[in-house]
N, C-alpha and C. Protein backbone atom coordinates (compact mmCIF):
# COMPACT_ATOMS: atom_id res chain seq x y z
N MET A 1 0.81 -1.20 0.00
CA MET A 1 0.00 0.00 0.00
C MET A 1 0.85 1.26 0.00
N ALA A 2 2.10 1.18 0.45
CA ALA A 2 2.97 2.35 0.46
C ALA A 2 3.16 2.89 -0.95
N GLU A 3 3.28 2.02 -1.92
CA GLU A 3 3.42 2.45 -3.31
C GLU A 3 2.17 3.18 -3.77
N SER A 4 0.99 2.71 -3.41
CA SER A 4 -0.25 3.38 -3.79
C SER A 4 -0.32 4.77 -3.18
N GLN A 5 0.07 4.90 -1.94
CA GLN A 5 0.02 6.20 -1.30
C GLN A 5 0.92 7.20 -2.04
N ARG A 6 2.07 6.76 -2.49
CA ARG A 6 2.99 7.65 -3.18
C ARG A 6 2.37 8.17 -4.48
N ILE A 7 1.76 7.29 -5.27
CA ILE A 7 1.25 7.73 -6.56
C ILE A 7 -0.10 8.44 -6.44
N LEU A 8 -0.72 8.38 -5.30
CA LEU A 8 -2.00 9.04 -5.14
C LEU A 8 -1.84 10.35 -4.38
N GLU A 9 -0.83 11.12 -4.77
CA GLU A 9 -0.61 12.43 -4.19
C GLU A 9 -0.20 13.37 -5.32
N TRP A 10 -0.95 14.46 -5.46
CA TRP A 10 -0.67 15.41 -6.53
C TRP A 10 -0.55 16.81 -5.97
N THR A 11 0.21 17.66 -6.66
CA THR A 11 0.34 19.07 -6.30
C THR A 11 -0.18 19.90 -7.46
N LEU A 12 -1.16 20.74 -7.19
CA LEU A 12 -1.72 21.61 -8.21
C LEU A 12 -1.16 23.01 -8.03
N ILE A 13 -0.66 23.58 -9.12
CA ILE A 13 0.04 24.86 -9.07
C ILE A 13 -0.90 26.04 -9.30
N SER A 14 -1.72 25.94 -10.34
CA SER A 14 -2.61 27.05 -10.67
C SER A 14 -3.72 26.57 -11.58
N GLU A 15 -4.81 27.32 -11.58
CA GLU A 15 -5.89 27.01 -12.52
C GLU A 15 -5.41 27.41 -13.91
N CYS A 16 -5.83 26.67 -14.92
CA CYS A 16 -5.38 26.92 -16.28
C CYS A 16 -6.54 26.67 -17.25
N PRO A 17 -6.38 27.07 -18.51
CA PRO A 17 -7.41 26.75 -19.49
C PRO A 17 -7.54 25.23 -19.66
N ILE A 18 -8.72 24.78 -19.99
CA ILE A 18 -8.96 23.35 -20.20
C ILE A 18 -8.21 22.92 -21.46
N PRO A 19 -7.32 21.91 -21.36
CA PRO A 19 -6.56 21.47 -22.53
C PRO A 19 -7.48 20.92 -23.63
N GLU A 20 -7.18 21.26 -24.87
CA GLU A 20 -8.00 20.82 -25.99
C GLU A 20 -7.98 19.30 -26.17
N ASP A 21 -6.85 18.67 -25.84
CA ASP A 21 -6.73 17.23 -26.06
C ASP A 21 -7.54 16.39 -25.08
N ILE A 22 -8.17 17.02 -24.10
CA ILE A 22 -8.96 16.27 -23.12
C ILE A 22 -10.23 15.70 -23.75
N THR A 23 -10.72 16.30 -24.82
CA THR A 23 -11.97 15.84 -25.43
C THR A 23 -11.86 14.39 -25.90
N ASP A 24 -10.64 13.93 -26.21
CA ASP A 24 -10.44 12.54 -26.62
C ASP A 24 -10.74 11.56 -25.49
N LEU A 25 -10.69 12.03 -24.24
CA LEU A 25 -10.91 11.16 -23.07
C LEU A 25 -12.34 11.18 -22.55
N LEU A 26 -13.13 12.14 -23.02
CA LEU A 26 -14.48 12.31 -22.48
C LEU A 26 -15.48 11.37 -23.13
N VAL A 27 -16.44 10.91 -22.33
CA VAL A 27 -17.51 10.05 -22.83
C VAL A 27 -18.71 10.93 -23.20
N THR A 28 -19.69 10.34 -23.85
CA THR A 28 -20.89 11.07 -24.24
C THR A 28 -21.56 11.69 -23.01
N GLY A 29 -21.85 12.97 -23.07
CA GLY A 29 -22.49 13.66 -21.97
C GLY A 29 -21.52 14.21 -20.93
N GLU A 30 -20.25 13.94 -21.08
CA GLU A 30 -19.26 14.43 -20.12
C GLU A 30 -18.69 15.76 -20.62
N VAL A 31 -18.55 16.70 -19.70
CA VAL A 31 -18.08 18.04 -20.03
C VAL A 31 -16.97 18.44 -19.07
N ALA A 32 -15.88 18.99 -19.60
CA ALA A 32 -14.80 19.51 -18.75
C ALA A 32 -15.27 20.81 -18.12
N VAL A 33 -15.04 20.96 -16.82
CA VAL A 33 -15.53 22.11 -16.07
C VAL A 33 -14.39 23.04 -15.66
N ALA A 34 -13.26 22.48 -15.24
CA ALA A 34 -12.12 23.28 -14.77
C ALA A 34 -10.85 22.45 -14.94
N ALA A 35 -9.71 23.15 -15.04
CA ALA A 35 -8.43 22.46 -15.17
C ALA A 35 -7.39 23.15 -14.30
N TYR A 36 -6.45 22.35 -13.82
CA TYR A 36 -5.37 22.85 -12.99
C TYR A 36 -4.05 22.33 -13.52
N LYS A 37 -3.02 23.15 -13.46
CA LYS A 37 -1.68 22.79 -13.89
C LYS A 37 -0.95 22.14 -12.73
N THR A 38 -0.28 21.02 -13.01
CA THR A 38 0.62 20.42 -12.03
C THR A 38 2.03 20.74 -12.56
N PHE A 39 3.06 20.09 -12.06
CA PHE A 39 4.41 20.41 -12.51
C PHE A 39 4.59 20.15 -14.01
N ARG A 40 4.18 18.99 -14.49
CA ARG A 40 4.29 18.65 -15.92
C ARG A 40 2.95 18.23 -16.50
N ASP A 41 1.93 18.23 -15.70
CA ASP A 41 0.69 17.58 -16.08
C ASP A 41 -0.51 18.52 -15.90
N ASN A 42 -1.69 17.94 -16.03
CA ASN A 42 -2.94 18.65 -15.78
C ASN A 42 -3.88 17.77 -14.98
N ALA A 43 -4.71 18.42 -14.18
CA ALA A 43 -5.82 17.76 -13.51
C ALA A 43 -7.08 18.44 -14.03
N ILE A 44 -8.02 17.67 -14.53
CA ILE A 44 -9.22 18.21 -15.14
C ILE A 44 -10.45 17.72 -14.39
N PHE A 45 -11.28 18.65 -13.96
CA PHE A 45 -12.57 18.32 -13.38
C PHE A 45 -13.58 18.26 -14.52
N THR A 46 -14.34 17.18 -14.58
CA THR A 46 -15.46 17.10 -15.51
C THR A 46 -16.73 17.03 -14.67
N ASN A 47 -17.85 16.91 -15.32
CA ASN A 47 -19.09 16.76 -14.57
C ASN A 47 -19.26 15.35 -14.02
N LYS A 48 -18.33 14.42 -14.35
CA LYS A 48 -18.45 13.03 -13.91
C LYS A 48 -17.25 12.51 -13.10
N ARG A 49 -16.06 13.12 -13.30
CA ARG A 49 -14.86 12.57 -12.67
C ARG A 49 -13.73 13.59 -12.65
N LEU A 50 -12.67 13.22 -11.94
CA LEU A 50 -11.43 13.97 -11.93
C LEU A 50 -10.43 13.16 -12.75
N ILE A 51 -9.83 13.80 -13.74
CA ILE A 51 -8.84 13.16 -14.61
C ILE A 51 -7.49 13.82 -14.35
N VAL A 52 -6.46 13.03 -14.05
CA VAL A 52 -5.12 13.55 -13.85
C VAL A 52 -4.21 12.91 -14.89
N LYS A 53 -3.57 13.76 -15.70
CA LYS A 53 -2.62 13.29 -16.70
C LYS A 53 -1.24 13.38 -16.09
N ASP A 54 -0.52 12.26 -16.04
CA ASP A 54 0.80 12.17 -15.43
C ASP A 54 1.82 11.90 -16.53
N VAL A 55 2.50 12.96 -17.00
CA VAL A 55 3.52 12.82 -18.03
C VAL A 55 4.78 12.26 -17.39
N GLN A 56 5.36 11.24 -18.02
CA GLN A 56 6.51 10.55 -17.43
C GLN A 56 7.69 10.54 -18.39
N GLY A 57 8.87 10.33 -17.84
CA GLY A 57 10.09 10.20 -18.64
C GLY A 57 10.64 11.55 -19.08
N LEU A 58 11.85 11.51 -19.63
CA LEU A 58 12.52 12.73 -20.06
C LEU A 58 11.85 13.37 -21.27
N THR A 59 11.35 12.55 -22.17
CA THR A 59 10.75 13.09 -23.39
C THR A 59 9.30 13.47 -23.20
N GLY A 60 8.66 12.93 -22.18
CA GLY A 60 7.26 13.25 -21.92
C GLY A 60 6.30 12.53 -22.85
N LYS A 61 6.80 11.52 -23.57
CA LYS A 61 5.94 10.79 -24.50
C LYS A 61 5.08 9.74 -23.79
N LYS A 62 5.53 9.31 -22.62
CA LYS A 62 4.76 8.33 -21.86
C LYS A 62 3.82 9.09 -20.93
N VAL A 63 2.53 8.80 -21.01
CA VAL A 63 1.53 9.49 -20.21
C VAL A 63 0.65 8.46 -19.52
N GLU A 64 0.54 8.60 -18.20
CA GLU A 64 -0.38 7.76 -17.44
C GLU A 64 -1.57 8.64 -17.07
N ILE A 65 -2.78 8.11 -17.20
CA ILE A 65 -3.98 8.88 -16.93
C ILE A 65 -4.73 8.23 -15.77
N TYR A 66 -4.98 9.02 -14.73
CA TYR A 66 -5.76 8.57 -13.59
C TYR A 66 -7.17 9.12 -13.76
N SER A 67 -8.16 8.29 -13.50
CA SER A 67 -9.55 8.70 -13.61
C SER A 67 -10.25 8.34 -12.31
N LEU A 68 -10.74 9.36 -11.62
CA LEU A 68 -11.40 9.16 -10.33
C LEU A 68 -12.87 9.56 -10.46
N PRO A 69 -13.77 8.59 -10.61
CA PRO A 69 -15.20 8.92 -10.66
C PRO A 69 -15.63 9.51 -9.31
N TYR A 70 -16.40 10.56 -9.36
CA TYR A 70 -16.86 11.19 -8.12
C TYR A 70 -17.65 10.23 -7.26
N SER A 71 -18.30 9.26 -7.88
CA SER A 71 -19.11 8.30 -7.12
C SER A 71 -18.26 7.43 -6.19
N SER A 72 -16.93 7.39 -6.40
CA SER A 72 -16.08 6.58 -5.53
C SER A 72 -15.56 7.36 -4.33
N ILE A 73 -15.85 8.66 -4.26
CA ILE A 73 -15.38 9.48 -3.13
C ILE A 73 -16.39 9.35 -1.98
N ASN A 74 -15.89 8.88 -0.83
CA ASN A 74 -16.73 8.70 0.35
C ASN A 74 -16.75 9.93 1.25
N MET A 75 -15.61 10.64 1.31
CA MET A 75 -15.47 11.79 2.20
C MET A 75 -14.31 12.63 1.71
N TRP A 76 -14.34 13.92 2.02
CA TRP A 76 -13.20 14.77 1.70
C TRP A 76 -13.03 15.82 2.78
N SER A 77 -11.80 16.36 2.85
CA SER A 77 -11.52 17.45 3.78
C SER A 77 -10.66 18.47 3.04
N THR A 78 -10.79 19.73 3.45
CA THR A 78 -9.94 20.79 2.90
C THR A 78 -9.30 21.52 4.05
N GLU A 79 -8.07 21.95 3.84
CA GLU A 79 -7.34 22.70 4.85
C GLU A 79 -6.69 23.88 4.16
N ASN A 80 -7.04 25.08 4.59
CA ASN A 80 -6.44 26.25 3.96
C ASN A 80 -5.00 26.42 4.41
N ALA A 81 -4.25 27.21 3.66
CA ALA A 81 -2.84 27.45 3.99
C ALA A 81 -2.73 28.35 5.20
N GLY A 82 -1.60 28.22 5.90
CA GLY A 82 -1.33 29.09 7.04
C GLY A 82 -0.78 30.42 6.57
N LYS A 83 -0.26 31.20 7.47
CA LYS A 83 0.21 32.54 7.14
C LYS A 83 1.68 32.57 6.71
N PHE A 84 2.56 31.91 7.43
CA PHE A 84 3.99 32.11 7.19
C PHE A 84 4.66 30.90 6.53
N LEU A 85 4.91 29.87 7.27
CA LEU A 85 5.66 28.73 6.75
C LEU A 85 4.79 27.73 6.01
N ASP A 86 3.53 27.66 6.32
CA ASP A 86 2.60 26.71 5.71
C ASP A 86 1.87 27.41 4.57
N VAL A 87 2.43 27.37 3.36
CA VAL A 87 1.87 28.13 2.24
C VAL A 87 0.96 27.30 1.35
N ASN A 88 0.94 25.99 1.50
CA ASN A 88 0.10 25.13 0.67
C ASN A 88 -1.19 24.75 1.38
N ALA A 89 -2.29 24.81 0.65
CA ALA A 89 -3.54 24.28 1.15
C ALA A 89 -3.57 22.79 0.77
N GLU A 90 -4.41 22.02 1.42
CA GLU A 90 -4.49 20.59 1.14
C GLU A 90 -5.93 20.12 1.07
N VAL A 91 -6.14 19.17 0.17
CA VAL A 91 -7.42 18.48 0.05
C VAL A 91 -7.12 17.00 0.22
N GLU A 92 -7.91 16.33 1.03
CA GLU A 92 -7.77 14.89 1.17
C GLU A 92 -9.08 14.25 0.74
N LEU A 93 -8.94 13.20 -0.06
CA LEU A 93 -10.10 12.45 -0.55
C LEU A 93 -10.00 11.02 -0.05
N TRP A 94 -11.06 10.54 0.57
CA TRP A 94 -11.14 9.14 0.97
C TRP A 94 -12.05 8.45 -0.04
N THR A 95 -11.50 7.47 -0.73
CA THR A 95 -12.24 6.81 -1.81
C THR A 95 -12.21 5.30 -1.61
N ARG A 96 -12.97 4.63 -2.45
CA ARG A 96 -12.93 3.16 -2.45
C ARG A 96 -11.56 2.65 -2.86
N ALA A 97 -10.81 3.47 -3.61
CA ALA A 97 -9.48 3.07 -4.07
C ALA A 97 -8.40 3.37 -3.04
N GLY A 98 -8.71 4.16 -2.03
CA GLY A 98 -7.72 4.52 -1.02
C GLY A 98 -7.77 6.01 -0.71
N HIS A 99 -6.72 6.46 -0.09
CA HIS A 99 -6.62 7.84 0.38
C HIS A 99 -5.80 8.64 -0.64
N ILE A 100 -6.32 9.78 -1.07
CA ILE A 100 -5.65 10.63 -2.06
C ILE A 100 -5.44 12.00 -1.45
N LYS A 101 -4.22 12.52 -1.58
CA LYS A 101 -3.90 13.84 -1.06
C LYS A 101 -3.59 14.76 -2.24
N VAL A 102 -4.22 15.93 -2.24
CA VAL A 102 -3.98 16.94 -3.27
C VAL A 102 -3.48 18.20 -2.57
N LYS A 103 -2.26 18.62 -2.92
CA LYS A 103 -1.71 19.84 -2.36
C LYS A 103 -1.97 20.98 -3.33
N LEU A 104 -2.43 22.10 -2.81
CA LEU A 104 -2.75 23.26 -3.64
C LEU A 104 -1.77 24.38 -3.30
N GLN A 105 -1.02 24.81 -4.31
CA GLN A 105 -0.08 25.89 -4.06
C GLN A 105 -0.80 27.21 -3.90
N LYS A 106 -0.07 28.23 -3.53
CA LYS A 106 -0.62 29.52 -3.13
C LYS A 106 -1.61 30.12 -4.12
N GLY A 107 -1.42 29.92 -5.41
CA GLY A 107 -2.29 30.54 -6.40
C GLY A 107 -3.63 29.85 -6.61
N VAL A 108 -3.87 28.71 -5.97
CA VAL A 108 -5.11 27.97 -6.17
C VAL A 108 -6.11 28.32 -5.08
N ASP A 109 -7.31 28.68 -5.48
CA ASP A 109 -8.37 29.05 -4.55
C ASP A 109 -8.96 27.79 -3.93
N ILE A 110 -8.66 27.55 -2.66
CA ILE A 110 -9.10 26.33 -1.96
C ILE A 110 -10.62 26.25 -1.89
N ARG A 111 -11.30 27.37 -1.71
CA ARG A 111 -12.76 27.33 -1.60
C ARG A 111 -13.41 27.02 -2.94
N ARG A 112 -12.86 27.52 -4.06
CA ARG A 112 -13.38 27.15 -5.38
C ARG A 112 -13.18 25.65 -5.61
N PHE A 113 -12.01 25.15 -5.25
CA PHE A 113 -11.70 23.73 -5.40
C PHE A 113 -12.68 22.90 -4.57
N ASP A 114 -12.93 23.32 -3.35
CA ASP A 114 -13.87 22.63 -2.47
C ASP A 114 -15.27 22.62 -3.07
N LYS A 115 -15.69 23.74 -3.65
CA LYS A 115 -17.01 23.81 -4.27
C LYS A 115 -17.11 22.90 -5.49
N LEU A 116 -16.02 22.79 -6.27
CA LEU A 116 -16.03 21.88 -7.42
C LEU A 116 -16.28 20.44 -6.96
N ILE A 117 -15.60 20.04 -5.90
CA ILE A 117 -15.78 18.69 -5.36
C ILE A 117 -17.20 18.53 -4.80
N ALA A 118 -17.63 19.49 -4.02
CA ALA A 118 -18.96 19.41 -3.41
C ALA A 118 -20.05 19.33 -4.48
N TYR A 119 -19.96 20.17 -5.48
CA TYR A 119 -20.97 20.17 -6.53
C TYR A 119 -20.98 18.81 -7.25
N ALA A 120 -19.79 18.30 -7.57
CA ALA A 120 -19.70 17.03 -8.30
C ALA A 120 -20.26 15.87 -7.49
N ILE A 121 -20.02 15.86 -6.19
CA ILE A 121 -20.44 14.73 -5.36
C ILE A 121 -21.89 14.86 -4.88
N LEU A 122 -22.30 16.07 -4.55
CA LEU A 122 -23.60 16.26 -3.91
C LEU A 122 -24.75 16.60 -4.83
N LYS A 123 -24.47 16.88 -6.09
CA LYS A 123 -25.57 17.24 -7.00
C LYS A 123 -26.50 16.04 -7.21
N ASP A 124 -27.70 16.32 -7.57
CA ASP A 124 -28.70 15.26 -7.77
C ASP A 124 -28.38 14.38 -8.94
């Protein structure tokens, strides 16, 4: 399980435009709602799931895609950043697949992120 914990942790740097190539991954009726930049990748919120593209290797030609359906999230928590030394906010997701930690750097609005999750999970 230690290996799973390592790969289920992402850091989001800033909100960004929704990448055009995401449409190849969407199913009928699925719409991209928001996107966030990671170090080399993107995390995309859709109306059905969270998609994280993990670019690997020196050339970046190898890409692993994580897909987290909102229906698998049992609980979540958000923690805003502190004032001085604690500059990152954090989101934790408890899912059927395990525990996922998302770190949000200073430029990411934690409350907007929280609302995206809440809307996706709690909507009718």
